[in-house]
Amino acid sequence: MYSPLLNHINKFIDLSNVEKETLTSLLKPITIKKKAFLLEEGQVCKANYFVVKGCLRLYFIDIKGAEQTTQFAIENWWITDLTSFLFQKSSEFYIQSAENTEVIAIEHRDYDLLFSKLPKMERYFRLILQKNHQASQMRIKFLYSQTAEERYHHFNKLFPEFVQRIPQYMLASYLGFTPEFLSKIRAKN
């Protein structure tokens, strides 16, 4: 169960067998059914989730009552509401499964313990957060500098299998337009 996460960590840092055992003692495997929630608005985010299999999304409800997806996480990606998780305050987001999903959770109560027992893990998470931040910056840039159609084609070029995996309304929400507009773009091609 933990080998996908350990393999991912190994791409960034080296852990000894003893360190791996320490790490796995702090992890919790969770299985989530499609459309189930790991977090709902108003709750406190209790964990950071590594996706072993499946797909999760982070979204909020905008002032018009529409879902706005801000992040997806598929295999070997992390997802959490970082503000709620780090500061243990109420979330303004939802984390929902788009597919039947298996995750490995690091719960907030074990986060500081993890870093004190395994200081190398701070480097790992710093590198992951840097990659995540860079991806978020590029997404914001594309939202403001590309047309909706250009965003779709760019995303489809980068993640063609993923585009086929997720429901159309979730993809449209992430790319910043309506499902109907996405249907028009797809019909053109």
Protein backbone atom coordinates (compact mmCIF):
# COMPACT_ATOMS: atom_id res chain seq x y z
CA MET A 1 0.00 0.00 0.00
CA TYR A 2 2.75 2.48 0.88
CA SER A 3 5.14 1.67 -1.96
CA PRO A 4 3.73 4.31 -4.40
CA LEU A 5 4.37 7.04 -1.81
CA LEU A 6 7.79 5.67 -0.87
CA ASN A 7 8.73 5.51 -4.57
CA HIS A 8 7.59 9.10 -5.02
CA ILE A 9 9.56 10.29 -1.99
CA ASN A 10 12.62 8.44 -3.31
CA LYS A 11 12.59 10.70 -6.41
CA PHE A 12 13.33 13.67 -4.13
CA ILE A 13 15.16 12.34 -1.06
CA ASP A 14 16.71 9.11 0.20
CA LEU A 15 15.22 7.39 3.23
CA SER A 16 16.83 4.47 5.04
CA ASN A 17 14.75 1.40 5.82
CA VAL A 18 14.43 2.56 9.44
CA GLU A 19 13.25 5.98 8.25
CA LYS A 20 10.71 4.35 5.94
CA GLU A 21 9.36 2.31 8.86
CA THR A 22 9.08 5.46 10.96
CA LEU A 23 7.26 7.22 8.15
CA THR A 24 4.81 4.40 7.46
CA SER A 25 3.94 4.22 11.17
CA LEU A 26 2.56 7.78 10.82
CA LEU A 27 0.53 7.14 7.66
CA LYS A 28 -3.11 6.17 7.30
CA PRO A 29 -4.55 4.46 4.20
CA ILE A 30 -8.06 5.58 3.22
CA THR A 31 -10.41 4.37 0.49
CA ILE A 32 -13.03 6.82 -0.81
CA LYS A 33 -16.00 6.03 -3.02
CA LYS A 34 -16.68 8.16 -6.10
CA LYS A 35 -18.33 11.51 -5.19
CA ALA A 36 -17.55 11.10 -1.46
CA PHE A 37 -15.96 13.95 0.49
CA LEU A 38 -12.73 14.06 2.46
CA LEU A 39 -13.46 17.69 3.38
CA GLU A 40 -16.50 19.95 3.24
CA GLU A 41 -16.75 23.71 3.68
CA GLY A 42 -16.80 24.65 7.37
CA GLN A 43 -14.83 21.59 8.48
CA VAL A 44 -11.19 21.68 9.53
CA CYS A 45 -8.88 19.84 7.13
CA LYS A 46 -7.33 17.05 9.20
CA ALA A 47 -4.85 15.60 6.69
CA ASN A 48 -2.66 15.98 3.64
CA TYR A 49 -3.59 13.31 1.08
CA PHE A 50 -1.35 11.44 -1.36
CA VAL A 51 -3.31 9.79 -4.17
CA VAL A 52 -2.34 6.16 -4.74
CA LYS A 53 -5.16 5.43 -7.18
CA GLY A 54 -8.02 7.55 -8.46
CA CYS A 55 -8.71 11.27 -8.57
CA LEU A 56 -9.62 13.97 -6.07
CA ARG A 57 -10.54 17.58 -6.64
CA LEU A 58 -10.44 20.71 -4.50
CA TYR A 59 -13.23 23.18 -5.16
CA PHE A 60 -15.31 25.99 -3.67
CA ILE A 61 -18.79 27.35 -4.31
CA ASP A 62 -18.70 30.83 -5.90
CA ILE A 63 -21.10 33.73 -5.26
CA LYS A 64 -23.40 32.46 -8.02
CA GLY A 65 -23.60 29.01 -6.41
CA ALA A 66 -21.39 27.32 -9.03
CA GLU A 67 -18.60 24.86 -8.22
CA GLN A 68 -15.15 26.23 -9.04
CA THR A 69 -12.49 23.52 -9.18
CA THR A 70 -9.07 24.86 -8.25
CA GLN A 71 -7.02 21.68 -8.18
CA PHE A 72 -7.08 18.04 -9.18
CA ALA A 73 -4.93 15.27 -7.74
CA ILE A 74 -4.37 11.99 -9.55
CA GLU A 75 -1.89 9.21 -8.89
CA ASN A 76 1.32 10.42 -7.18
CA TRP A 77 -0.06 13.91 -6.44
CA TRP A 78 -0.81 15.50 -3.06
CA ILE A 79 -3.91 17.47 -2.18
CA THR A 80 -5.13 19.36 0.88
CA ASP A 81 -6.64 22.69 1.84
CA LEU A 82 -3.25 23.95 2.97
CA THR A 83 -4.54 26.93 4.99
CA SER A 84 -7.10 24.87 6.88
CA PHE A 85 -4.62 22.01 7.34
CA LEU A 86 -1.68 24.09 8.59
CA PHE A 87 -3.63 26.50 10.80
CA GLN A 88 -6.45 24.12 11.77
CA LYS A 89 -9.13 26.64 10.83
CA SER A 90 -12.44 26.12 9.07
CA SER A 91 -12.12 25.41 5.36
CA GLU A 92 -13.78 27.31 2.56
CA PHE A 93 -13.21 24.35 0.21
CA TYR A 94 -14.37 20.83 -0.51
CA ILE A 95 -12.18 17.83 -1.34
CA GLN A 96 -14.22 15.30 -3.29
CA SER A 97 -13.39 12.10 -5.12
CA ALA A 98 -14.02 12.14 -8.87
CA GLU A 99 -13.44 8.37 -8.99
CA ASN A 100 -13.16 5.56 -6.47
CA THR A 101 -9.90 6.63 -4.85
CA GLU A 102 -7.21 5.28 -2.55
CA VAL A 103 -5.12 7.77 -0.59
CA ILE A 104 -2.44 7.79 2.04
CA ALA A 105 -3.06 10.45 4.66
CA ILE A 106 -0.67 12.24 6.95
CA GLU A 107 -2.84 13.65 9.68
CA HIS A 108 -2.21 17.08 11.14
CA ARG A 109 -1.57 15.71 14.61
CA ASP A 110 1.38 13.72 13.19
CA TYR A 111 2.81 16.42 10.89
CA ASP A 112 5.24 18.05 13.34
CA LEU A 113 6.15 14.65 14.74
CA LEU A 114 6.99 13.52 11.19
CA PHE A 115 9.35 16.47 10.71
CA SER A 116 11.02 16.06 14.10
CA LYS A 117 11.59 12.33 13.57
CA LEU A 118 12.44 12.64 9.86
CA PRO A 119 13.90 16.09 9.12
CA LYS A 120 14.51 15.00 5.49
CA MET A 121 10.75 15.04 4.97
CA GLU A 122 10.71 18.82 5.35
CA ARG A 123 12.88 19.03 2.24
CA TYR A 124 10.56 16.62 0.42
CA PHE A 125 7.46 18.66 1.24
CA ARG A 126 9.22 21.93 0.42
CA LEU A 127 10.04 20.57 -3.04
CA ILE A 128 6.46 19.32 -3.50
CA LEU A 129 5.01 22.66 -2.41
CA GLN A 130 7.34 24.50 -4.79
CA LYS A 131 6.12 22.37 -7.70
CA ASN A 132 2.52 22.87 -6.62
CA HIS A 133 2.95 26.63 -6.32
CA GLN A 134 4.57 26.85 -9.74
CA ALA A 135 1.70 24.88 -11.29
CA SER A 136 -0.83 27.18 -9.58
CA GLN A 137 0.98 30.27 -10.89
CA MET A 138 0.94 28.91 -14.44
CA ARG A 139 -2.75 28.03 -14.16
CA ILE A 140 -3.56 31.60 -13.10
CA LYS A 141 -1.43 32.95 -15.95
CA PHE A 142 -3.27 30.77 -18.47
CA LEU A 143 -6.66 31.84 -17.08
CA TYR A 144 -5.77 35.47 -17.81
CA SER A 145 -3.66 35.14 -20.95
CA GLN A 146 -5.35 32.43 -23.03
CA THR A 147 -8.78 32.10 -24.51
CA ALA A 148 -11.01 29.39 -23.13
CA GLU A 149 -10.40 27.30 -26.23
CA GLU A 150 -6.62 27.74 -25.94
CA ARG A 151 -6.77 26.66 -22.27
CA TYR A 152 -8.67 23.52 -23.20
CA HIS A 153 -6.27 22.56 -26.00
CA HIS A 154 -3.21 23.29 -23.83
CA PHE A 155 -4.57 21.19 -20.95
CA ASN A 156 -5.67 18.40 -23.32
CA LYS A 157 -2.18 18.33 -24.86
CA LEU A 158 -0.52 18.06 -21.42
CA PHE A 159 -2.97 15.55 -19.90
CA PRO A 160 -4.91 13.75 -22.66
CA GLU A 161 -5.74 10.65 -20.57
CA PHE A 162 -6.83 12.77 -17.65
CA VAL A 163 -9.24 14.78 -19.83
CA GLN A 164 -10.98 11.49 -20.67
CA ARG A 165 -11.13 10.37 -17.02
CA ILE A 166 -12.96 13.21 -15.35
CA PRO A 167 -16.53 14.43 -15.78
CA GLN A 168 -16.93 17.25 -18.28
CA TYR A 169 -18.42 19.67 -15.72
CA MET A 170 -15.36 19.27 -13.44
CA LEU A 171 -12.94 19.92 -16.30
CA ALA A 172 -14.94 22.94 -17.46
CA SER A 173 -14.96 24.32 -13.91
CA TYR A 174 -11.19 23.90 -13.62
CA LEU A 175 -10.58 25.60 -16.98
CA GLY A 176 -12.88 28.49 -16.15
CA PHE A 177 -15.90 28.01 -18.39
CA THR A 178 -19.24 26.20 -18.57
CA PRO A 179 -19.79 22.55 -19.50
CA GLU A 180 -21.86 23.76 -22.46
CA PHE A 181 -18.89 25.75 -23.78
CA LEU A 182 -16.68 22.68 -23.38
CA SER A 183 -19.18 20.67 -25.43
CA LYS A 184 -18.95 23.28 -28.21
CA ILE A 185 -15.14 23.14 -28.20
CA ARG A 186 -15.17 19.34 -28.35
CA ALA A 187 -17.79 19.35 -31.12
CA LYS A 188 -15.51 21.56 -33.26
CA ASN A 189 -12.71 19.02 -33.11
